[in-house]
């Protein structure tokens, strides 16, 4: 038994080193820099500045856009994942949906600039229809549309897995008992796949909070988020302390979201253990 435990501990060493070097150390470094101003003096002023109206408005804007991106991604992804589980070649269709996520984000952003630009394909089609050229690029619509397109695969995959793990006999039982399609979905399908929904929302909402490249290229800096502010402070104003302070609050927000979306899984596991007992 001691040999097995020592072998197991030896296998954990690379994982622990990886976590310390690339997770714990960067977070501690960010926290350290957050206590210094532009001149390198120790201060708590960065945290006081964060609670000013400018940064509070930026925080609310970031959460609002992240919520919209997550909500639209969920509305599109859940029906898509459900239909995928009912198709004949579902693994092939799933691969085709995930395939765009392998393409570089910058290339996809520039592709949408070409599509939504003044002389792009979208405006050309609008002119053919008779609507005329519209300002699509550098708007909230283009920002949310492109963001949803980018994050959809990360929402579909966990929901698809949750639907695949669900016992189909439960659906048949509900229908045999007289439940309608909507009632079956609301009382059986959705509750049983809630873990997949939570994982998908976590995978979309957390990175959507810190978007900065899309806000520049697609929204033209008309959409200001905390990710944009961090980029500005580190690369433009060289105020690493304020940029680190914003990053600290982002890390805290992400940790809270992970805790809230992960609590359901613990409840399910505890429920299974109680049933087994």
C-alpha atoms as a PDB file:
ATOM      1  CA  UNK A   1       0.000   0.000   0.000  1.00  0.00           C
ATOM      2  CA  UNK A   2       2.834   2.383   0.815  1.00  0.00           C
ATOM      3  CA  UNK A   3       4.448   1.688  -2.554  1.00  0.00           C
ATOM      4  CA  UNK A   4       1.211   2.510  -4.372  1.00  0.00           C
ATOM      5  CA  UNK A   5       0.693   5.728  -2.418  1.00  0.00           C
ATOM      6  CA  UNK A   6       4.293   6.837  -2.999  1.00  0.00           C
ATOM      7  CA  UNK A   7       3.948   6.098  -6.723  1.00  0.00           C
ATOM      8  CA  UNK A   8       0.725   8.082  -6.825  1.00  0.00           C
ATOM      9  CA  UNK A   9       2.397  11.002  -5.054  1.00  0.00           C
ATOM     10  CA  UNK A  10       5.284  10.867  -7.539  1.00  0.00           C
ATOM     11  CA  UNK A  11       2.813  11.175 -10.428  1.00  0.00           C
ATOM     12  CA  UNK A  12       1.328  14.267  -8.763  1.00  0.00           C
ATOM     13  CA  UNK A  13       4.653  16.133  -8.721  1.00  0.00           C
ATOM     14  CA  UNK A  14       4.494  17.395 -12.370  1.00  0.00           C
ATOM     15  CA  UNK A  15       0.895  18.511 -11.862  1.00  0.00           C
ATOM     16  CA  UNK A  16       1.730  20.361  -8.636  1.00  0.00           C
ATOM     17  CA  UNK A  17       4.759  22.031 -10.241  1.00  0.00           C
ATOM     18  CA  UNK A  18       2.640  23.097 -13.218  1.00  0.00           C
ATOM     19  CA  UNK A  19      -0.033  24.575 -10.941  1.00  0.00           C
ATOM     20  CA  UNK A  20       2.530  26.431  -8.827  1.00  0.00           C
ATOM     21  CA  UNK A  21       4.486  27.844 -11.789  1.00  0.00           C
ATOM     22  CA  UNK A  22       1.624  28.743 -14.135  1.00  0.00           C
ATOM     23  CA  UNK A  23      -1.359  29.340 -11.800  1.00  0.00           C
ATOM     24  CA  UNK A  24      -0.315  30.213  -8.249  1.00  0.00           C
ATOM     25  CA  UNK A  25       2.845  32.199  -9.078  1.00  0.00           C
ATOM     26  CA  UNK A  26       1.194  34.447 -11.747  1.00  0.00           C
ATOM     27  CA  UNK A  27      -1.752  35.180  -9.433  1.00  0.00           C
ATOM     28  CA  UNK A  28       0.586  36.102  -6.569  1.00  0.00           C
ATOM     29  CA  UNK A  29       2.598  38.285  -8.942  1.00  0.00           C
ATOM     30  CA  UNK A  30      -0.545  40.115 -10.075  1.00  0.00           C
ATOM     31  CA  UNK A  31      -1.582  40.670  -6.448  1.00  0.00           C
ATOM     32  CA  UNK A  32       1.929  41.967  -5.646  1.00  0.00           C
ATOM     33  CA  UNK A  33       1.912  44.509  -8.505  1.00  0.00           C
ATOM     34  CA  UNK A  34      -1.565  45.723  -7.557  1.00  0.00           C
ATOM     35  CA  UNK A  35      -0.090  47.442  -4.467  1.00  0.00           C
ATOM     36  CA  UNK A  36       2.233  49.727  -6.453  1.00  0.00           C
ATOM     37  CA  UNK A  37       1.558  52.909  -8.394  1.00  0.00           C
ATOM     38  CA  UNK A  38       3.161  54.127 -11.643  1.00  0.00           C
ATOM     39  CA  UNK A  39       6.216  55.457  -9.769  1.00  0.00           C
ATOM     40  CA  UNK A  40       6.720  52.135  -7.989  1.00  0.00           C
ATOM     41  CA  UNK A  41       5.532  53.340  -4.579  1.00  0.00           C
ATOM     42  CA  UNK A  42       3.560  51.050  -2.282  1.00  0.00           C
ATOM     43  CA  UNK A  43      -0.078  52.161  -2.120  1.00  0.00           C
ATOM     44  CA  UNK A  44      -3.662  51.051  -1.582  1.00  0.00           C
ATOM     45  CA  UNK A  45      -4.823  53.782  -3.942  1.00  0.00           C
ATOM     46  CA  UNK A  46      -5.347  51.386  -6.857  1.00  0.00           C
ATOM     47  CA  UNK A  47      -8.087  49.576  -4.937  1.00  0.00           C
ATOM     48  CA  UNK A  48      -9.693  52.904  -3.992  1.00  0.00           C
ATOM     49  CA  UNK A  49      -9.628  53.980  -7.664  1.00  0.00           C
ATOM     50  CA  UNK A  50     -11.323  50.755  -8.718  1.00  0.00           C
ATOM     51  CA  UNK A  51     -14.447  51.687  -6.738  1.00  0.00           C
ATOM     52  CA  UNK A  52     -14.814  55.035  -8.501  1.00  0.00           C
ATOM     53  CA  UNK A  53     -17.798  55.508 -10.893  1.00  0.00           C
ATOM     54  CA  UNK A  54     -15.617  55.041 -14.010  1.00  0.00           C
ATOM     55  CA  UNK A  55     -14.434  51.557 -13.109  1.00  0.00           C
ATOM     56  CA  UNK A  56     -17.765  50.559 -11.563  1.00  0.00           C
ATOM     57  CA  UNK A  57     -19.487  51.449 -14.839  1.00  0.00           C
ATOM     58  CA  UNK A  58     -16.846  49.448 -16.696  1.00  0.00           C
ATOM     59  CA  UNK A  59     -17.438  46.472 -14.389  1.00  0.00           C
ATOM     60  CA  UNK A  60     -21.212  46.593 -14.898  1.00  0.00           C
ATOM     61  CA  UNK A  61     -20.681  46.865 -18.660  1.00  0.00           C
ATOM     62  CA  UNK A  62     -18.379  43.828 -18.638  1.00  0.00           C
ATOM     63  CA  UNK A  63     -20.875  41.718 -16.675  1.00  0.00           C
ATOM     64  CA  UNK A  64     -23.770  42.868 -18.861  1.00  0.00           C
ATOM     65  CA  UNK A  65     -22.039  41.973 -22.123  1.00  0.00           C
ATOM     66  CA  UNK A  66     -20.800  38.675 -20.664  1.00  0.00           C
ATOM     67  CA  UNK A  67     -24.375  37.894 -19.589  1.00  0.00           C
ATOM     68  CA  UNK A  68     -25.744  38.689 -23.067  1.00  0.00           C
ATOM     69  CA  UNK A  69     -23.074  36.584 -24.787  1.00  0.00           C
ATOM     70  CA  UNK A  70     -23.750  33.667 -22.419  1.00  0.00           C
ATOM     71  CA  UNK A  71     -27.541  33.947 -22.758  1.00  0.00           C
ATOM     72  CA  UNK A  72     -27.516  34.046 -26.574  1.00  0.00           C
ATOM     73  CA  UNK A  73     -24.970  31.219 -26.700  1.00  0.00           C
ATOM     74  CA  UNK A  74     -27.202  29.094 -24.462  1.00  0.00           C
ATOM     75  CA  UNK A  75     -30.354  29.866 -26.485  1.00  0.00           C
ATOM     76  CA  UNK A  76     -28.613  28.727 -29.662  1.00  0.00           C
ATOM     77  CA  UNK A  77     -26.537  25.880 -28.231  1.00  0.00           C
ATOM     78  CA  UNK A  78     -29.155  23.949 -26.249  1.00  0.00           C
ATOM     79  CA  UNK A  79     -31.536  23.275 -29.186  1.00  0.00           C
ATOM     80  CA  UNK A  80     -28.530  22.582 -31.409  1.00  0.00           C
ATOM     81  CA  UNK A  81     -27.057  20.085 -28.946  1.00  0.00           C
ATOM     82  CA  UNK A  82     -30.477  18.444 -28.521  1.00  0.00           C
ATOM     83  CA  UNK A  83     -30.907  18.065 -32.290  1.00  0.00           C
ATOM     84  CA  UNK A  84     -27.363  16.693 -32.581  1.00  0.00           C
ATOM     85  CA  UNK A  85     -28.215  13.854 -30.194  1.00  0.00           C
ATOM     86  CA  UNK A  86     -31.126  12.928 -32.473  1.00  0.00           C
ATOM     87  CA  UNK A  87     -29.185  12.968 -35.762  1.00  0.00           C
ATOM     88  CA  UNK A  88     -27.675   9.934 -37.441  1.00  0.00           C
ATOM     89  CA  UNK A  89     -24.042  11.081 -37.739  1.00  0.00           C
ATOM     90  CA  UNK A  90     -23.940  13.153 -34.553  1.00  0.00           C
ATOM     91  CA  UNK A  91     -20.196  12.790 -33.947  1.00  0.00           C
ATOM     92  CA  UNK A  92     -19.435  14.111 -37.431  1.00  0.00           C
ATOM     93  CA  UNK A  93     -21.785  17.086 -37.014  1.00  0.00           C
ATOM     94  CA  UNK A  94     -20.309  17.809 -33.584  1.00  0.00           C
ATOM     95  CA  UNK A  95     -16.821  17.802 -35.088  1.00  0.00           C
ATOM     96  CA  UNK A  96     -17.903  20.250 -37.801  1.00  0.00           C
ATOM     97  CA  UNK A  97     -19.296  22.596 -35.128  1.00  0.00           C
ATOM     98  CA  UNK A  98     -16.155  22.408 -32.991  1.00  0.00           C
ATOM     99  CA  UNK A  99     -13.793  22.703 -35.972  1.00  0.00           C
ATOM    100  CA  UNK A 100     -13.956  26.553 -36.211  1.00  0.00           C
ATOM    101  CA  UNK A 101     -12.663  26.799 -32.632  1.00  0.00           C
ATOM    102  CA  UNK A 102      -9.324  25.414 -33.880  1.00  0.00           C
ATOM    103  CA  UNK A 103      -8.840  28.477 -36.103  1.00  0.00           C
ATOM    104  CA  UNK A 104      -6.886  31.382 -34.652  1.00  0.00           C
ATOM    105  CA  UNK A 105      -9.101  33.987 -32.991  1.00  0.00           C
ATOM    106  CA  UNK A 106      -7.370  36.868 -34.761  1.00  0.00           C
ATOM    107  CA  UNK A 107      -8.033  35.302 -38.175  1.00  0.00           C
ATOM    108  CA  UNK A 108     -11.717  34.874 -37.358  1.00  0.00           C
ATOM    109  CA  UNK A 109     -11.944  38.488 -36.189  1.00  0.00           C
ATOM    110  CA  UNK A 110     -10.425  39.767 -39.434  1.00  0.00           C
ATOM    111  CA  UNK A 111     -12.769  37.510 -41.409  1.00  0.00           C
ATOM    112  CA  UNK A 112     -15.767  39.173 -39.747  1.00  0.00           C
ATOM    113  CA  UNK A 113     -14.276  42.601 -40.453  1.00  0.00           C
ATOM    114  CA  UNK A 114     -14.412  41.657 -44.129  1.00  0.00           C
ATOM    115  CA  UNK A 115     -17.963  40.309 -43.818  1.00  0.00           C
ATOM    116  CA  UNK A 116     -19.402  43.239 -41.832  1.00  0.00           C
ATOM    117  CA  UNK A 117     -17.376  46.048 -43.422  1.00  0.00           C
ATOM    118  CA  UNK A 118     -18.885  48.823 -45.544  1.00  0.00           C
ATOM    119  CA  UNK A 119     -17.992  46.983 -48.750  1.00  0.00           C
ATOM    120  CA  UNK A 120     -18.304  43.508 -47.230  1.00  0.00           C
ATOM    121  CA  UNK A 121     -20.485  40.583 -48.227  1.00  0.00           C
ATOM    122  CA  UNK A 122     -23.258  41.406 -45.729  1.00  0.00           C
ATOM    123  CA  UNK A 123     -23.740  44.959 -47.002  1.00  0.00           C
ATOM    124  CA  UNK A 124     -23.588  43.733 -50.603  1.00  0.00           C
ATOM    125  CA  UNK A 125     -26.459  41.339 -49.875  1.00  0.00           C
ATOM    126  CA  UNK A 126     -28.422  44.109 -48.134  1.00  0.00           C
ATOM    127  CA  UNK A 127     -28.034  46.324 -51.193  1.00  0.00           C
ATOM    128  CA  UNK A 128     -29.232  43.518 -53.476  1.00  0.00           C
ATOM    129  CA  UNK A 129     -32.320  43.006 -51.276  1.00  0.00           C
ATOM    130  CA  UNK A 130     -33.001  46.755 -51.352  1.00  0.00           C
ATOM    131  CA  UNK A 131     -32.312  47.626 -47.711  1.00  0.00           C
ATOM    132  CA  UNK A 132     -29.111  49.473 -48.530  1.00  0.00           C
ATOM    133  CA  UNK A 133     -25.715  49.641 -46.870  1.00  0.00           C
ATOM    134  CA  UNK A 134     -25.779  49.638 -43.061  1.00  0.00           C
ATOM    135  CA  UNK A 135     -23.243  50.337 -40.320  1.00  0.00           C
ATOM    136  CA  UNK A 136     -22.802  46.801 -38.969  1.00  0.00           C
ATOM    137  CA  UNK A 137     -19.161  46.854 -37.954  1.00  0.00           C
ATOM    138  CA  UNK A 138     -18.144  48.771 -34.792  1.00  0.00           C
ATOM    139  CA  UNK A 139     -21.529  48.275 -33.120  1.00  0.00           C
ATOM    140  CA  UNK A 140     -22.829  46.374 -30.095  1.00  0.00           C
ATOM    141  CA  UNK A 141     -24.577  43.975 -32.467  1.00  0.00           C
ATOM    142  CA  UNK A 142     -21.386  42.992 -34.287  1.00  0.00           C
ATOM    143  CA  UNK A 143     -19.515  42.579 -30.999  1.00  0.00           C
ATOM    144  CA  UNK A 144     -22.152  40.278 -29.483  1.00  0.00           C
ATOM    145  CA  UNK A 145     -22.670  38.370 -32.751  1.00  0.00           C
ATOM    146  CA  UNK A 146     -18.973  37.604 -33.228  1.00  0.00           C
ATOM    147  CA  UNK A 147     -18.504  36.757 -29.538  1.00  0.00           C
ATOM    148  CA  UNK A 148     -21.439  34.336 -29.582  1.00  0.00           C
ATOM    149  CA  UNK A 149     -20.097  32.716 -32.756  1.00  0.00           C
ATOM    150  CA  UNK A 150     -16.709  32.210 -31.100  1.00  0.00           C
ATOM    151  CA  UNK A 151     -18.078  30.810 -27.831  1.00  0.00           C
ATOM    152  CA  UNK A 152     -20.883  28.580 -29.168  1.00  0.00           C
ATOM    153  CA  UNK A 153     -18.696  25.415 -29.471  1.00  0.00           C
ATOM    154  CA  UNK A 154     -17.702  25.753 -25.797  1.00  0.00           C
ATOM    155  CA  UNK A 155     -21.375  25.853 -24.831  1.00  0.00           C
ATOM    156  CA  UNK A 156     -22.549  23.052 -27.117  1.00  0.00           C
ATOM    157  CA  UNK A 157     -19.996  20.443 -26.053  1.00  0.00           C
ATOM    158  CA  UNK A 158     -20.881  20.121 -22.310  1.00  0.00           C
ATOM    159  CA  UNK A 159     -24.622  20.269 -23.051  1.00  0.00           C
ATOM    160  CA  UNK A 160     -24.227  17.600 -25.736  1.00  0.00           C
ATOM    161  CA  UNK A 161     -22.333  15.363 -23.297  1.00  0.00           C
ATOM    162  CA  UNK A 162     -25.003  15.851 -20.623  1.00  0.00           C
ATOM    163  CA  UNK A 163     -27.773  14.956 -23.096  1.00  0.00           C
ATOM    164  CA  UNK A 164     -25.856  11.874 -24.223  1.00  0.00           C
ATOM    165  CA  UNK A 165     -25.477  10.647 -20.632  1.00  0.00           C
ATOM    166  CA  UNK A 166     -29.192  11.050 -19.926  1.00  0.00           C
ATOM    167  CA  UNK A 167     -31.255   7.860 -19.784  1.00  0.00           C
ATOM    168  CA  UNK A 168     -33.782   8.065 -22.687  1.00  0.00           C
ATOM    169  CA  UNK A 169     -36.197   5.739 -20.876  1.00  0.00           C
ATOM    170  CA  UNK A 170     -36.994   8.617 -18.502  1.00  0.00           C
ATOM    171  CA  UNK A 171     -38.304  10.653 -21.437  1.00  0.00           C
ATOM    172  CA  UNK A 172     -40.405   7.736 -22.673  1.00  0.00           C
ATOM    173  CA  UNK A 173     -41.788   7.256 -19.151  1.00  0.00           C
ATOM    174  CA  UNK A 174     -42.770  10.908 -18.912  1.00  0.00           C
ATOM    175  CA  UNK A 175     -44.537  10.793 -22.277  1.00  0.00           C
ATOM    176  CA  UNK A 176     -46.339   7.571 -21.323  1.00  0.00           C
ATOM    177  CA  UNK A 177     -47.600   9.270 -18.161  1.00  0.00           C
ATOM    178  CA  UNK A 178     -49.204  11.988 -20.289  1.00  0.00           C
ATOM    179  CA  UNK A 179     -46.630  14.758 -20.076  1.00  0.00           C
ATOM    180  CA  UNK A 180     -46.481  17.107 -23.059  1.00  0.00           C
ATOM    181  CA  UNK A 181     -43.247  17.807 -24.930  1.00  0.00           C
ATOM    182  CA  UNK A 182     -42.777  21.123 -23.107  1.00  0.00           C
ATOM    183  CA  UNK A 183     -43.550  19.593 -19.688  1.00  0.00           C
ATOM    184  CA  UNK A 184     -41.151  16.714 -20.385  1.00  0.00           C
ATOM    185  CA  UNK A 185     -38.418  19.171 -21.278  1.00  0.00           C
ATOM    186  CA  UNK A 186     -39.094  21.401 -18.260  1.00  0.00           C
ATOM    187  CA  UNK A 187     -39.468  18.661 -15.652  1.00  0.00           C
ATOM    188  CA  UNK A 188     -37.196  15.890 -16.974  1.00  0.00           C
ATOM    189  CA  UNK A 189     -34.723  16.838 -19.720  1.00  0.00           C
ATOM    190  CA  UNK A 190     -33.557  20.250 -18.526  1.00  0.00           C
ATOM    191  CA  UNK A 191     -33.073  19.332 -14.819  1.00  0.00           C
ATOM    192  CA  UNK A 192     -31.080  16.231 -15.786  1.00  0.00           C
ATOM    193  CA  UNK A 193     -28.809  18.248 -18.107  1.00  0.00           C
ATOM    194  CA  UNK A 194     -28.393  21.225 -15.761  1.00  0.00           C
ATOM    195  CA  UNK A 195     -24.808  20.221 -14.991  1.00  0.00           C
ATOM    196  CA  UNK A 196     -23.939  20.559 -18.688  1.00  0.00           C
ATOM    197  CA  UNK A 197     -25.675  23.945 -18.851  1.00  0.00           C
ATOM    198  CA  UNK A 198     -23.710  25.165 -15.822  1.00  0.00           C
ATOM    199  CA  UNK A 199     -20.420  23.940 -17.306  1.00  0.00           C
ATOM    200  CA  UNK A 200     -21.216  25.627 -20.620  1.00  0.00           C
ATOM    201  CA  UNK A 201     -22.165  28.918 -18.939  1.00  0.00           C
ATOM    202  CA  UNK A 202     -18.953  28.753 -16.938  1.00  0.00           C
ATOM    203  CA  UNK A 203     -16.885  28.119 -20.074  1.00  0.00           C
ATOM    204  CA  UNK A 204     -18.489  31.117 -21.829  1.00  0.00           C
ATOM    205  CA  UNK A 205     -19.153  33.688 -19.103  1.00  0.00           C
ATOM    206  CA  UNK A 206     -15.679  33.649 -17.527  1.00  0.00           C
ATOM    207  CA  UNK A 207     -13.641  34.353 -20.706  1.00  0.00           C
ATOM    208  CA  UNK A 208     -16.350  36.751 -21.963  1.00  0.00           C
ATOM    209  CA  UNK A 209     -15.673  38.930 -18.906  1.00  0.00           C
ATOM    210  CA  UNK A 210     -12.110  39.653 -20.035  1.00  0.00           C
ATOM    211  CA  UNK A 211     -12.509  40.063 -23.805  1.00  0.00           C
ATOM    212  CA  UNK A 212     -10.285  42.751 -25.291  1.00  0.00           C
ATOM    213  CA  UNK A 213      -9.214  41.806 -28.850  1.00  0.00           C
ATOM    214  CA  UNK A 214     -12.771  41.634 -30.191  1.00  0.00           C
ATOM    215  CA  UNK A 215     -13.699  44.899 -28.500  1.00  0.00           C
ATOM    216  CA  UNK A 216     -10.934  46.615 -30.482  1.00  0.00           C
ATOM    217  CA  UNK A 217     -11.274  44.915 -33.870  1.00  0.00           C
ATOM    218  CA  UNK A 218     -15.034  44.327 -34.067  1.00  0.00           C
ATOM    219  CA  UNK A 219     -16.523  46.936 -31.707  1.00  0.00           C
ATOM    220  CA  UNK A 220     -13.936  49.629 -32.473  1.00  0.00           C
ATOM    221  CA  UNK A 221     -13.463  50.416 -28.760  1.00  0.00           C
ATOM    222  CA  UNK A 222     -17.114  51.450 -28.501  1.00  0.00           C
ATOM    223  CA  UNK A 223     -17.520  48.551 -26.082  1.00  0.00           C
ATOM    224  CA  UNK A 224     -15.276  49.046 -23.053  1.00  0.00           C
ATOM    225  CA  UNK A 225     -14.753  46.067 -20.752  1.00  0.00           C
ATOM    226  CA  UNK A 226     -12.396  45.221 -17.901  1.00  0.00           C
ATOM    227  CA  UNK A 227     -10.263  43.230 -20.339  1.00  0.00           C
ATOM    228  CA  UNK A 228      -9.844  46.344 -22.489  1.00  0.00           C
ATOM    229  CA  UNK A 229      -8.918  48.383 -19.405  1.00  0.00           C
ATOM    230  CA  UNK A 230      -6.266  45.844 -18.369  1.00  0.00           C
ATOM    231  CA  UNK A 231      -4.748  45.940 -21.863  1.00  0.00           C
ATOM    232  CA  UNK A 232      -4.727  49.754 -21.807  1.00  0.00           C
ATOM    233  CA  UNK A 233      -3.018  49.965 -18.428  1.00  0.00           C
ATOM    234  CA  UNK A 234      -0.355  47.397 -19.253  1.00  0.00           C
ATOM    235  CA  UNK A 235       0.445  48.389 -22.842  1.00  0.00           C
ATOM    236  CA  UNK A 236      -0.501  52.068 -23.182  1.00  0.00           C
ATOM    237  CA  UNK A 237      -0.429  53.914 -19.841  1.00  0.00           C
ATOM    238  CA  UNK A 238       2.170  51.520 -18.350  1.00  0.00           C
ATOM    239  CA  UNK A 239       0.230  51.620 -15.068  1.00  0.00           C
ATOM    240  CA  UNK A 240       0.821  47.997 -14.161  1.00  0.00           C
ATOM    241  CA  UNK A 241      -0.493  48.522 -10.644  1.00  0.00           C
ATOM    242  CA  UNK A 242      -3.972  49.564 -11.783  1.00  0.00           C
ATOM    243  CA  UNK A 243      -4.031  46.880 -14.466  1.00  0.00           C
ATOM    244  CA  UNK A 244      -3.123  44.276 -11.849  1.00  0.00           C
ATOM    245  CA  UNK A 245      -5.815  45.596  -9.494  1.00  0.00           C
ATOM    246  CA  UNK A 246      -8.483  45.132 -12.163  1.00  0.00           C
ATOM    247  CA  UNK A 247      -7.090  41.656 -12.842  1.00  0.00           C
ATOM    248  CA  UNK A 248      -7.365  40.798  -9.119  1.00  0.00           C
ATOM    249  CA  UNK A 249     -11.068  41.673  -9.114  1.00  0.00           C
ATOM    250  CA  UNK A 250     -11.548  39.675 -12.300  1.00  0.00           C
ATOM    251  CA  UNK A 251      -9.898  36.647 -10.671  1.00  0.00           C
ATOM    252  CA  UNK A 252     -12.177  37.020  -7.634  1.00  0.00           C
ATOM    253  CA  UNK A 253     -15.244  37.284  -9.880  1.00  0.00           C
ATOM    254  CA  UNK A 254     -14.186  34.202 -11.838  1.00  0.00           C
ATOM    255  CA  UNK A 255     -13.609  32.234  -8.620  1.00  0.00           C
ATOM    256  CA  UNK A 256     -17.092  33.185  -7.354  1.00  0.00           C
ATOM    257  CA  UNK A 257     -18.678  32.153 -10.670  1.00  0.00           C
ATOM    258  CA  UNK A 258     -16.830  28.828 -10.632  1.00  0.00           C
ATOM    259  CA  UNK A 259     -18.016  28.206  -7.069  1.00  0.00           C
ATOM    260  CA  UNK A 260     -21.642  29.030  -7.906  1.00  0.00           C
ATOM    261  CA  UNK A 261     -21.732  26.951 -11.093  1.00  0.00           C
ATOM    262  CA  UNK A 262     -19.921  24.037  -9.461  1.00  0.00           C
ATOM    263  CA  UNK A 263     -22.163  23.737  -6.399  1.00  0.00           C
ATOM    264  CA  UNK A 264     -24.841  21.862  -8.336  1.00  0.00           C
ATOM    265  CA  UNK A 265     -22.462  19.026  -9.173  1.00  0.00           C
ATOM    266  CA  UNK A 266     -21.658  18.514  -5.497  1.00  0.00           C
ATOM    267  CA  UNK A 267     -25.350  18.346  -4.679  1.00  0.00           C
ATOM    268  CA  UNK A 268     -25.906  15.726  -7.374  1.00  0.00           C
ATOM    269  CA  UNK A 269     -23.006  13.635  -6.100  1.00  0.00           C
ATOM    270  CA  UNK A 270     -24.232  13.905  -2.508  1.00  0.00           C
ATOM    271  CA  UNK A 271     -27.698  12.899  -3.645  1.00  0.00           C
ATOM    272  CA  UNK A 272     -26.327   9.816  -5.366  1.00  0.00           C
ATOM    273  CA  UNK A 273     -24.350   8.878  -2.245  1.00  0.00           C
ATOM    274  CA  UNK A 274     -27.430   9.236  -0.060  1.00  0.00           C
ATOM    275  CA  UNK A 275     -29.440   7.021  -2.384  1.00  0.00           C
ATOM    276  CA  UNK A 276     -26.678   4.432  -2.366  1.00  0.00           C
ATOM    277  CA  UNK A 277     -26.647   4.468   1.449  1.00  0.00           C
END
